[in-house]
Amino acid sequence: MTSETAIKALVVDDEVIPNSLVQLQLEQLGYTVIGNAYDGPEAVRLTQELRPDVVVMDLRMMDPATGKDDHTAGLKAAAAIQQVCPTPVVVVTAYESPELVQQASSIGVGAYLVKPTRERDLERAITIALARFRDFMELQRLHTELELYNAELDAFAGTVAQGLKAPLKKIIAYIETLLREPQADSDQTVAEQIRVINRESYTILNISKELLLRARLRQTGNIEVQPLDMAEIVKSALRRLQGLRDWQEIEVSLPGSPPKDTSRG
């Protein structure tokens, strides 16, 4: 382990000799010890200040507020660290129990060691804690992205619902009128109603195409940016408007050589 890649460690133990022993073991393994603490609150403070890559912390330490021995001081400090400055934590304990393992895992402890610590076990525990922390942070990132995507989809679904509601209501109203009084309206009125139905149908069609396009873009991921051929785009639009041109008096003129748009497509 070179100095450029040396992992920075913070050692936490309320007893001087075990604290110094773990520091020595870490240095012999090639880690850089950037600080040491003697109680839980100090460990939280130094983690925020020094930003170590890993914290090696004793489970049982004295509570500076009460002056009494706290059998879960390390777990409390580890939980506080994950709240204010997420960092891989290795807990060192004098005993092993399934309850301890479960409780430690639930608050984000990456690994734990049973005293007395040995260099080989210490290095393995740190490696495990770092790997689990990377996995945890990746899961957190993916979870955050998923929540953002879901929020976007919810907002988009609401917009689509509102966009479809108005044209559908118009279509239903005109069709019901035609069915209810097929002979009461003049040919001109019927033709106008059919124009509206045709126009609103195209609106719904375009919204559905936008939905499909959005779905394809989400699946594609990376999108290649290319110049747009505006002449071809206008010609395609004219073909889509052909149905409307049959019913409405509209005129669309196309210049000889429209410029290409280099904006994002």
C-alpha atoms as a PDB file:
ATOM      1  CA  MET A   1       0.000   0.000   0.000  1.00  0.00           C
ATOM      2  CA  THR A   2       1.648   3.230  -1.200  1.00  0.00           C
ATOM      3  CA  SER A   3       1.317   6.646   0.375  1.00  0.00           C
ATOM      4  CA  GLU A   4      -0.817   7.823  -2.577  1.00  0.00           C
ATOM      5  CA  THR A   5      -3.384   5.084  -1.962  1.00  0.00           C
ATOM      6  CA  ALA A   6      -3.047   4.697   1.804  1.00  0.00           C
ATOM      7  CA  ILE A   7      -6.417   4.476   3.541  1.00  0.00           C
ATOM      8  CA  LYS A   8      -6.940   7.067   6.264  1.00  0.00           C
ATOM      9  CA  ALA A   9      -8.145   5.649   9.572  1.00  0.00           C
ATOM     10  CA  LEU A  10      -9.538   7.069  12.802  1.00  0.00           C
ATOM     11  CA  VAL A  11      -9.011   4.941  15.944  1.00  0.00           C
ATOM     12  CA  VAL A  12     -11.503   5.157  18.822  1.00  0.00           C
ATOM     13  CA  ASP A  13     -10.961   3.470  22.203  1.00  0.00           C
ATOM     14  CA  ASP A  14     -11.236   4.864  25.727  1.00  0.00           C
ATOM     15  CA  GLU A  15      -8.242   2.822  26.917  1.00  0.00           C
ATOM     16  CA  VAL A  16      -4.825   4.185  25.988  1.00  0.00           C
ATOM     17  CA  ILE A  17      -2.993   0.884  25.448  1.00  0.00           C
ATOM     18  CA  PRO A  18      -5.579  -0.768  23.131  1.00  0.00           C
ATOM     19  CA  ASN A  19      -5.919   2.550  21.297  1.00  0.00           C
ATOM     20  CA  SER A  20      -2.175   2.731  20.697  1.00  0.00           C
ATOM     21  CA  LEU A  21      -1.997  -0.962  19.767  1.00  0.00           C
ATOM     22  CA  VAL A  22      -4.610  -0.614  17.011  1.00  0.00           C
ATOM     23  CA  GLN A  23      -2.837   2.485  15.700  1.00  0.00           C
ATOM     24  CA  LEU A  24       0.442   0.559  15.517  1.00  0.00           C
ATOM     25  CA  GLN A  25      -1.204  -2.379  13.740  1.00  0.00           C
ATOM     26  CA  LEU A  26      -2.810  -0.085  11.191  1.00  0.00           C
ATOM     27  CA  GLU A  27       0.474   1.681  10.463  1.00  0.00           C
ATOM     28  CA  GLN A  28       2.287  -1.633  10.037  1.00  0.00           C
ATOM     29  CA  LEU A  29      -0.397  -2.658   7.526  1.00  0.00           C
ATOM     30  CA  GLY A  30       0.232   0.534   5.551  1.00  0.00           C
ATOM     31  CA  TYR A  31      -2.787   2.562   6.650  1.00  0.00           C
ATOM     32  CA  THR A  32      -2.493   6.215   7.641  1.00  0.00           C
ATOM     33  CA  VAL A  33      -3.805   6.982  11.125  1.00  0.00           C
ATOM     34  CA  ILE A  34      -5.047  10.577  10.959  1.00  0.00           C
ATOM     35  CA  GLY A  35      -6.462  10.777  14.485  1.00  0.00           C
ATOM     36  CA  ASN A  36      -7.618   8.979  17.596  1.00  0.00           C
ATOM     37  CA  ALA A  37     -10.524   9.515  19.983  1.00  0.00           C
ATOM     38  CA  TYR A  38     -11.351   8.221  23.470  1.00  0.00           C
ATOM     39  CA  ASP A  39     -15.154   8.357  23.519  1.00  0.00           C
ATOM     40  CA  GLY A  40     -18.159   8.300  21.204  1.00  0.00           C
ATOM     41  CA  PRO A  41     -18.927  12.038  20.937  1.00  0.00           C
ATOM     42  CA  GLU A  42     -15.274  12.786  20.187  1.00  0.00           C
ATOM     43  CA  ALA A  43     -15.320  10.100  17.499  1.00  0.00           C
ATOM     44  CA  VAL A  44     -18.315  11.731  15.816  1.00  0.00           C
ATOM     45  CA  ARG A  45     -16.677  15.167  15.954  1.00  0.00           C
ATOM     46  CA  LEU A  46     -13.339  13.979  14.554  1.00  0.00           C
ATOM     47  CA  THR A  47     -15.037  12.016  11.798  1.00  0.00           C
ATOM     48  CA  GLN A  48     -16.710  15.207  10.645  1.00  0.00           C
ATOM     49  CA  GLU A  49     -13.497  17.211  10.911  1.00  0.00           C
ATOM     50  CA  LEU A  50     -10.929  14.727   9.538  1.00  0.00           C
ATOM     51  CA  ARG A  51     -13.066  12.760   7.063  1.00  0.00           C
ATOM     52  CA  PRO A  52     -11.317   9.384   7.514  1.00  0.00           C
ATOM     53  CA  ASP A  53     -11.843   6.529   5.055  1.00  0.00           C
ATOM     54  CA  VAL A  54     -12.635   4.163   7.910  1.00  0.00           C
ATOM     55  CA  VAL A  55     -13.280   4.339  11.662  1.00  0.00           C
ATOM     56  CA  VAL A  56     -12.022   1.515  13.905  1.00  0.00           C
ATOM     57  CA  MET A  57     -13.957   1.848  17.161  1.00  0.00           C
ATOM     58  CA  ASP A  58     -14.281  -0.036  20.428  1.00  0.00           C
ATOM     59  CA  LEU A  59     -17.803  -1.109  21.333  1.00  0.00           C
ATOM     60  CA  ARG A  60     -17.614  -0.555  25.089  1.00  0.00           C
ATOM     61  CA  MET A  61     -16.451   2.892  26.242  1.00  0.00           C
ATOM     62  CA  MET A  62     -17.117   5.381  28.986  1.00  0.00           C
ATOM     63  CA  ASP A  63     -19.903   7.890  28.502  1.00  0.00           C
ATOM     64  CA  PRO A  64     -18.299  11.319  29.088  1.00  0.00           C
ATOM     65  CA  ALA A  65     -21.668  12.788  30.081  1.00  0.00           C
ATOM     66  CA  THR A  66     -22.303  10.339  32.934  1.00  0.00           C
ATOM     67  CA  GLY A  67     -18.815   9.006  33.623  1.00  0.00           C
ATOM     68  CA  LYS A  68     -20.224   5.477  33.476  1.00  0.00           C
ATOM     69  CA  ASP A  69     -19.287   2.522  31.326  1.00  0.00           C
ATOM     70  CA  ASP A  70     -21.532   2.177  28.273  1.00  0.00           C
ATOM     71  CA  HIS A  71     -21.647  -1.291  26.696  1.00  0.00           C
ATOM     72  CA  THR A  72     -23.037   0.086  23.404  1.00  0.00           C
ATOM     73  CA  ALA A  73     -21.130   3.375  23.162  1.00  0.00           C
ATOM     74  CA  GLY A  74     -19.497   2.300  19.899  1.00  0.00           C
ATOM     75  CA  LEU A  75     -22.816   1.450  18.291  1.00  0.00           C
ATOM     76  CA  LYS A  76     -24.328   4.764  19.361  1.00  0.00           C
ATOM     77  CA  ALA A  77     -21.356   6.651  17.928  1.00  0.00           C
ATOM     78  CA  ALA A  78     -21.490   4.607  14.712  1.00  0.00           C
ATOM     79  CA  ALA A  79     -25.179   5.432  14.281  1.00  0.00           C
ATOM     80  CA  ALA A  80     -24.467   9.134  14.833  1.00  0.00           C
ATOM     81  CA  ILE A  81     -21.609   9.023  12.304  1.00  0.00           C
ATOM     82  CA  GLN A  82     -23.880   7.506   9.643  1.00  0.00           C
ATOM     83  CA  GLN A  83     -26.348  10.322  10.241  1.00  0.00           C
ATOM     84  CA  VAL A  84     -23.955  13.279  10.044  1.00  0.00           C
ATOM     85  CA  CYS A  85     -21.033  11.962   7.972  1.00  0.00           C
ATOM     86  CA  PRO A  86     -21.522   8.461   6.483  1.00  0.00           C
ATOM     87  CA  THR A  87     -18.249   6.550   6.884  1.00  0.00           C
ATOM     88  CA  PRO A  88     -17.253   2.853   7.003  1.00  0.00           C
ATOM     89  CA  VAL A  89     -17.053   1.675  10.616  1.00  0.00           C
ATOM     90  CA  VAL A  90     -15.342  -1.388  12.105  1.00  0.00           C
ATOM     91  CA  VAL A  91     -16.451  -2.157  15.674  1.00  0.00           C
ATOM     92  CA  VAL A  92     -14.079  -3.950  18.049  1.00  0.00           C
ATOM     93  CA  THR A  93     -15.666  -5.948  20.870  1.00  0.00           C
ATOM     94  CA  ALA A  94     -14.569  -8.285  23.637  1.00  0.00           C
ATOM     95  CA  TYR A  95     -17.419 -10.684  22.952  1.00  0.00           C
ATOM     96  CA  GLU A  96     -19.516 -11.920  20.041  1.00  0.00           C
ATOM     97  CA  SER A  97     -23.267 -12.430  19.862  1.00  0.00           C
ATOM     98  CA  PRO A  98     -25.939 -12.704  17.132  1.00  0.00           C
ATOM     99  CA  GLU A  99     -27.822  -9.791  18.687  1.00  0.00           C
ATOM    100  CA  LEU A 100     -24.730  -7.610  18.425  1.00  0.00           C
ATOM    101  CA  VAL A 101     -24.202  -8.536  14.781  1.00  0.00           C
ATOM    102  CA  GLN A 102     -27.819  -7.759  13.917  1.00  0.00           C
ATOM    103  CA  GLN A 103     -27.831  -4.461  15.781  1.00  0.00           C
ATOM    104  CA  ALA A 104     -24.496  -3.404  14.283  1.00  0.00           C
ATOM    105  CA  SER A 105     -25.642  -4.216  10.736  1.00  0.00           C
ATOM    106  CA  SER A 106     -28.911  -2.321  11.179  1.00  0.00           C
ATOM    107  CA  ILE A 107     -27.113   0.946  11.973  1.00  0.00           C
ATOM    108  CA  GLY A 108     -24.549   0.673   9.175  1.00  0.00           C
ATOM    109  CA  VAL A 109     -21.506  -0.952  10.815  1.00  0.00           C
ATOM    110  CA  GLY A 110     -19.509  -2.593   8.031  1.00  0.00           C
ATOM    111  CA  ALA A 111     -17.635  -5.212  10.082  1.00  0.00           C
ATOM    112  CA  TYR A 112     -16.679  -6.117  13.628  1.00  0.00           C
ATOM    113  CA  LEU A 113     -13.692  -7.720  15.343  1.00  0.00           C
ATOM    114  CA  VAL A 114     -13.362  -9.725  18.527  1.00  0.00           C
ATOM    115  CA  LYS A 115     -10.486  -8.743  20.827  1.00  0.00           C
ATOM    116  CA  PRO A 116      -7.573  -9.199  20.850  1.00  0.00           C
ATOM    117  CA  THR A 117      -7.172  -7.784  17.369  1.00  0.00           C
ATOM    118  CA  ARG A 118      -4.733  -9.363  14.946  1.00  0.00           C
ATOM    119  CA  GLU A 119      -3.317  -7.574  11.952  1.00  0.00           C
ATOM    120  CA  ARG A 120      -4.650 -10.087   9.445  1.00  0.00           C
ATOM    121  CA  ASP A 121      -8.171  -9.929  10.906  1.00  0.00           C
ATOM    122  CA  LEU A 122      -8.026  -6.152  11.165  1.00  0.00           C
ATOM    123  CA  GLU A 123      -7.085  -5.774   7.517  1.00  0.00           C
ATOM    124  CA  ARG A 124      -9.811  -8.194   6.422  1.00  0.00           C
ATOM    125  CA  ALA A 125     -12.431  -6.392   8.514  1.00  0.00           C
ATOM    126  CA  ILE A 126     -11.488  -3.018   7.012  1.00  0.00           C
ATOM    127  CA  THR A 127     -11.635  -4.454   3.494  1.00  0.00           C
ATOM    128  CA  ILE A 128     -15.123  -5.846   4.187  1.00  0.00           C
ATOM    129  CA  ALA A 129     -16.316  -2.585   5.748  1.00  0.00           C
ATOM    130  CA  LEU A 130     -15.091  -0.536   2.785  1.00  0.00           C
ATOM    131  CA  ALA A 131     -16.738  -2.881   0.270  1.00  0.00           C
ATOM    132  CA  ARG A 132     -20.044  -2.917   2.131  1.00  0.00           C
ATOM    133  CA  PHE A 133     -19.993   0.841   2.452  1.00  0.00           C
ATOM    134  CA  ARG A 134     -19.455   1.275  -1.299  1.00  0.00           C
ATOM    135  CA  ASP A 135     -22.346  -1.090  -1.982  1.00  0.00           C
ATOM    136  CA  PHE A 136     -24.536   0.749   0.511  1.00  0.00           C
ATOM    137  CA  MET A 137     -23.772   4.149  -1.000  1.00  0.00           C
ATOM    138  CA  GLU A 138     -24.482   2.813  -4.495  1.00  0.00           C
ATOM    139  CA  LEU A 139     -27.822   1.474  -3.317  1.00  0.00           C
ATOM    140  CA  GLN A 140     -28.577   4.847  -1.756  1.00  0.00           C
ATOM    141  CA  ARG A 141     -27.737   6.578  -5.023  1.00  0.00           C
ATOM    142  CA  LEU A 142     -29.922   4.220  -7.038  1.00  0.00           C
ATOM    143  CA  HIS A 143     -32.746   4.614  -4.543  1.00  0.00           C
ATOM    144  CA  THR A 144     -32.545   8.404  -4.806  1.00  0.00           C
ATOM    145  CA  GLU A 145     -32.541   8.236  -8.604  1.00  0.00           C
ATOM    146  CA  LEU A 146     -35.510   5.886  -8.550  1.00  0.00           C
ATOM    147  CA  GLU A 147     -37.448   8.265  -6.325  1.00  0.00           C
ATOM    148  CA  LEU A 148     -36.676  11.142  -8.707  1.00  0.00           C
ATOM    149  CA  TYR A 149     -37.753   9.086 -11.723  1.00  0.00           C
ATOM    150  CA  ASN A 150     -40.961   8.089  -9.974  1.00  0.00           C
ATOM    151  CA  ALA A 151     -41.680  11.717  -9.116  1.00  0.00           C
ATOM    152  CA  GLU A 152     -41.092  12.719 -12.745  1.00  0.00           C
ATOM    153  CA  LEU A 153     -43.358   9.916 -13.962  1.00  0.00           C
ATOM    154  CA  ASP A 154     -46.090  10.937 -11.529  1.00  0.00           C
ATOM    155  CA  ALA A 155     -45.883  14.541 -12.672  1.00  0.00           C
ATOM    156  CA  PHE A 156     -45.815  13.523 -16.317  1.00  0.00           C
ATOM    157  CA  ALA A 157     -48.770  11.169 -15.842  1.00  0.00           C
ATOM    158  CA  GLY A 158     -50.748  14.026 -14.315  1.00  0.00           C
ATOM    159  CA  THR A 159     -49.881  16.290 -17.233  1.00  0.00           C
ATOM    160  CA  VAL A 160     -50.848  13.627 -19.744  1.00  0.00           C
ATOM    161  CA  ALA A 161     -54.130  12.964 -17.965  1.00  0.00           C
ATOM    162  CA  GLN A 162     -54.993  16.642 -18.090  1.00  0.00           C
ATOM    163  CA  GLY A 163     -53.890  16.852 -21.720  1.00  0.00           C
ATOM    164  CA  LEU A 164     -56.073  13.934 -22.760  1.00  0.00           C
ATOM    165  CA  LYS A 165     -59.100  14.942 -20.691  1.00  0.00           C
ATOM    166  CA  ALA A 166     -60.075  18.052 -22.651  1.00  0.00           C
ATOM    167  CA  PRO A 167     -59.944  16.619 -26.201  1.00  0.00           C
ATOM    168  CA  LEU A 168     -61.659  13.398 -25.120  1.00  0.00           C
ATOM    169  CA  LYS A 169     -64.513  15.343 -23.531  1.00  0.00           C
ATOM    170  CA  LYS A 170     -64.960  17.323 -26.745  1.00  0.00           C
ATOM    171  CA  ILE A 171     -64.923  14.199 -28.885  1.00  0.00           C
ATOM    172  CA  ILE A 172     -67.497  12.480 -26.651  1.00  0.00           C
ATOM    173  CA  ALA A 173     -69.737  15.557 -26.614  1.00  0.00           C
ATOM    174  CA  TYR A 174     -69.746  15.947 -30.408  1.00  0.00           C
ATOM    175  CA  ILE A 175     -70.272  12.232 -31.043  1.00  0.00           C
ATOM    176  CA  GLU A 176     -73.175  12.158 -28.577  1.00  0.00           C
ATOM    177  CA  THR A 177     -74.703  15.159 -30.339  1.00  0.00           C
ATOM    178  CA  LEU A 178     -74.419  13.447 -33.727  1.00  0.00           C
ATOM    179  CA  LEU A 179     -75.948  10.255 -32.355  1.00  0.00           C
ATOM    180  CA  ARG A 180     -78.704  11.997 -30.455  1.00  0.00           C
ATOM    181  CA  GLU A 181     -79.887  14.328 -33.250  1.00  0.00           C
ATOM    182  CA  PRO A 182     -78.533  12.954 -36.535  1.00  0.00           C
ATOM    183  CA  GLN A 183     -80.982  14.886 -38.701  1.00  0.00           C
ATOM    184  CA  ALA A 184     -81.319  18.132 -36.764  1.00  0.00           C
ATOM    185  CA  ASP A 185     -78.042  19.694 -37.861  1.00  0.00           C
ATOM    186  CA  SER A 186     -77.233  21.058 -41.263  1.00  0.00           C
ATOM    187  CA  ASP A 187     -74.512  19.528 -43.380  1.00  0.00           C
ATOM    188  CA  GLN A 188     -72.303  22.511 -42.543  1.00  0.00           C
ATOM    189  CA  THR A 189     -72.733  21.961 -38.779  1.00  0.00           C
ATOM    190  CA  VAL A 190     -72.010  18.261 -39.079  1.00  0.00           C
ATOM    191  CA  ALA A 191     -68.919  18.992 -41.132  1.00  0.00           C
ATOM    192  CA  GLU A 192     -67.692  21.449 -38.490  1.00  0.00           C
ATOM    193  CA  GLN A 193     -68.242  18.905 -35.731  1.00  0.00           C
ATOM    194  CA  ILE A 194     -66.348  16.286 -37.704  1.00  0.00           C
ATOM    195  CA  ARG A 195     -63.475  18.773 -38.137  1.00  0.00           C
ATOM    196  CA  VAL A 196     -63.308  19.213 -34.376  1.00  0.00           C
ATOM    197  CA  ILE A 197     -63.363  15.453 -33.806  1.00  0.00           C
ATOM    198  CA  ASN A 198     -60.585  15.017 -36.361  1.00  0.00           C
ATOM    199  CA  ARG A 199     -58.467  17.767 -34.806  1.00  0.00           C
ATOM    200  CA  GLU A 200     -58.869  16.510 -31.245  1.00  0.00           C
ATOM    201  CA  SER A 201     -58.111  12.955 -32.398  1.00  0.00           C
ATOM    202  CA  TYR A 202     -54.805  14.181 -33.774  1.00  0.00           C
ATOM    203  CA  THR A 203     -54.125  15.854 -30.416  1.00  0.00           C
ATOM    204  CA  ILE A 204     -54.590  12.547 -28.594  1.00  0.00           C
ATOM    205  CA  LEU A 205     -52.476  10.768 -31.208  1.00  0.00           C
ATOM    206  CA  ASN A 206     -49.612  13.230 -30.730  1.00  0.00           C
ATOM    207  CA  ILE A 207     -49.762  12.874 -26.943  1.00  0.00           C
ATOM    208  CA  SER A 208     -49.583   9.085 -27.244  1.00  0.00           C
ATOM    209  CA  LYS A 209     -46.570   9.418 -29.565  1.00  0.00           C
ATOM    210  CA  GLU A 210     -44.857  11.678 -27.045  1.00  0.00           C
ATOM    211  CA  LEU A 211     -45.442   9.037 -24.376  1.00  0.00           C
ATOM    212  CA  LEU A 212     -43.882   6.355 -26.539  1.00  0.00           C
ATOM    213  CA  LEU A 213     -40.935   8.605 -27.389  1.00  0.00           C
ATOM    214  CA  ARG A 214     -40.320   9.354 -23.721  1.00  0.00           C
ATOM    215  CA  ALA A 215     -40.398   5.635 -22.910  1.00  0.00           C
ATOM    216  CA  ARG A 216     -37.833   4.906 -25.641  1.00  0.00           C
ATOM    217  CA  LEU A 217     -35.563   7.710 -24.440  1.00  0.00           C
ATOM    218  CA  ARG A 218     -35.643   6.364 -20.869  1.00  0.00           C
ATOM    219  CA  GLN A 219     -34.639   2.922 -22.138  1.00  0.00           C
ATOM    220  CA  THR A 220     -31.892   4.270 -24.406  1.00  0.00           C
ATOM    221  CA  GLY A 221     -29.963   6.124 -21.691  1.00  0.00           C
ATOM    222  CA  ASN A 222     -27.186   7.886 -23.621  1.00  0.00           C
ATOM    223  CA  ILE A 223     -28.547   9.937 -26.502  1.00  0.00           C
ATOM    224  CA  GLU A 224     -26.406  10.821 -29.498  1.00  0.00           C
ATOM    225  CA  VAL A 225     -26.682  14.482 -30.540  1.00  0.00           C
ATOM    226  CA  GLN A 226     -26.938  15.059 -34.299  1.00  0.00           C
ATOM    227  CA  PRO A 227     -27.980  18.004 -36.545  1.00  0.00           C
ATOM    228  CA  LEU A 228     -31.686  18.117 -37.438  1.00  0.00           C
ATOM    229  CA  ASP A 229     -32.846  18.246 -41.068  1.00  0.00           C
ATOM    230  CA  MET A 230     -35.640  20.782 -40.736  1.00  0.00           C
ATOM    231  CA  ALA A 231     -36.806  20.291 -44.337  1.00  0.00           C
ATOM    232  CA  GLU A 232     -37.529  16.615 -43.677  1.00  0.00           C
ATOM    233  CA  ILE A 233     -39.192  17.464 -40.366  1.00  0.00           C
ATOM    234  CA  VAL A 234     -41.535  19.969 -42.063  1.00  0.00           C
ATOM    235  CA  LYS A 235     -42.370  17.501 -44.832  1.00  0.00           C
ATOM    236  CA  SER A 236     -43.206  14.868 -42.226  1.00  0.00           C
ATOM    237  CA  ALA A 237     -45.404  17.386 -40.399  1.00  0.00           C
ATOM    238  CA  LEU A 238     -47.227  18.181 -43.658  1.00  0.00           C
ATOM    239  CA  ARG A 239     -47.953  14.511 -44.180  1.00  0.00           C
ATOM    240  CA  ARG A 240     -49.396  14.280 -40.682  1.00  0.00           C
ATOM    241  CA  LEU A 241     -51.514  17.391 -41.280  1.00  0.00           C
ATOM    242  CA  GLN A 242     -52.973  15.976 -44.487  1.00  0.00           C
ATOM    243  CA  GLY A 243     -56.118  14.879 -42.676  1.00  0.00           C
ATOM    244  CA  LEU A 244     -56.665  18.346 -41.257  1.00  0.00           C
ATOM    245  CA  ARG A 245     -56.041  20.021 -44.624  1.00  0.00           C
ATOM    246  CA  ASP A 246     -58.914  18.027 -46.113  1.00  0.00           C
ATOM    247  CA  TRP A 247     -61.350  19.586 -43.645  1.00  0.00           C
ATOM    248  CA  GLN A 248     -59.968  23.040 -42.926  1.00  0.00           C
ATOM    249  CA  GLU A 249     -58.873  25.873 -45.161  1.00  0.00           C
ATOM    250  CA  ILE A 250     -55.200  26.026 -44.236  1.00  0.00           C
ATOM    251  CA  GLU A 251     -52.168  26.740 -46.311  1.00  0.00           C
ATOM    252  CA  VAL A 252     -48.607  25.788 -45.444  1.00  0.00           C
ATOM    253  CA  SER A 253     -45.706  27.157 -47.475  1.00  0.00           C
ATOM    254  CA  LEU A 254     -42.255  25.558 -47.435  1.00  0.00           C
ATOM    255  CA  PRO A 255     -39.154  27.652 -48.286  1.00  0.00           C
ATOM    256  CA  GLY A 256     -36.749  26.309 -50.871  1.00  0.00           C
ATOM    257  CA  SER A 257     -33.898  25.267 -48.567  1.00  0.00           C
ATOM    258  CA  PRO A 258     -34.610  25.605 -44.859  1.00  0.00           C
ATOM    259  CA  PRO A 259     -31.506  25.755 -42.623  1.00  0.00           C
ATOM    260  CA  LYS A 260     -30.462  22.819 -40.491  1.00  0.00           C
ATOM    261  CA  ASP A 261     -31.008  23.122 -36.784  1.00  0.00           C
ATOM    262  CA  THR A 262     -28.070  21.919 -34.668  1.00  0.00           C
ATOM    263  CA  SER A 263     -30.003  21.997 -31.419  1.00  0.00           C
ATOM    264  CA  ARG A 264     -30.532  18.856 -29.369  1.00  0.00           C
ATOM    265  CA  GLY A 265     -32.968  16.366 -30.853  1.00  0.00           C
END
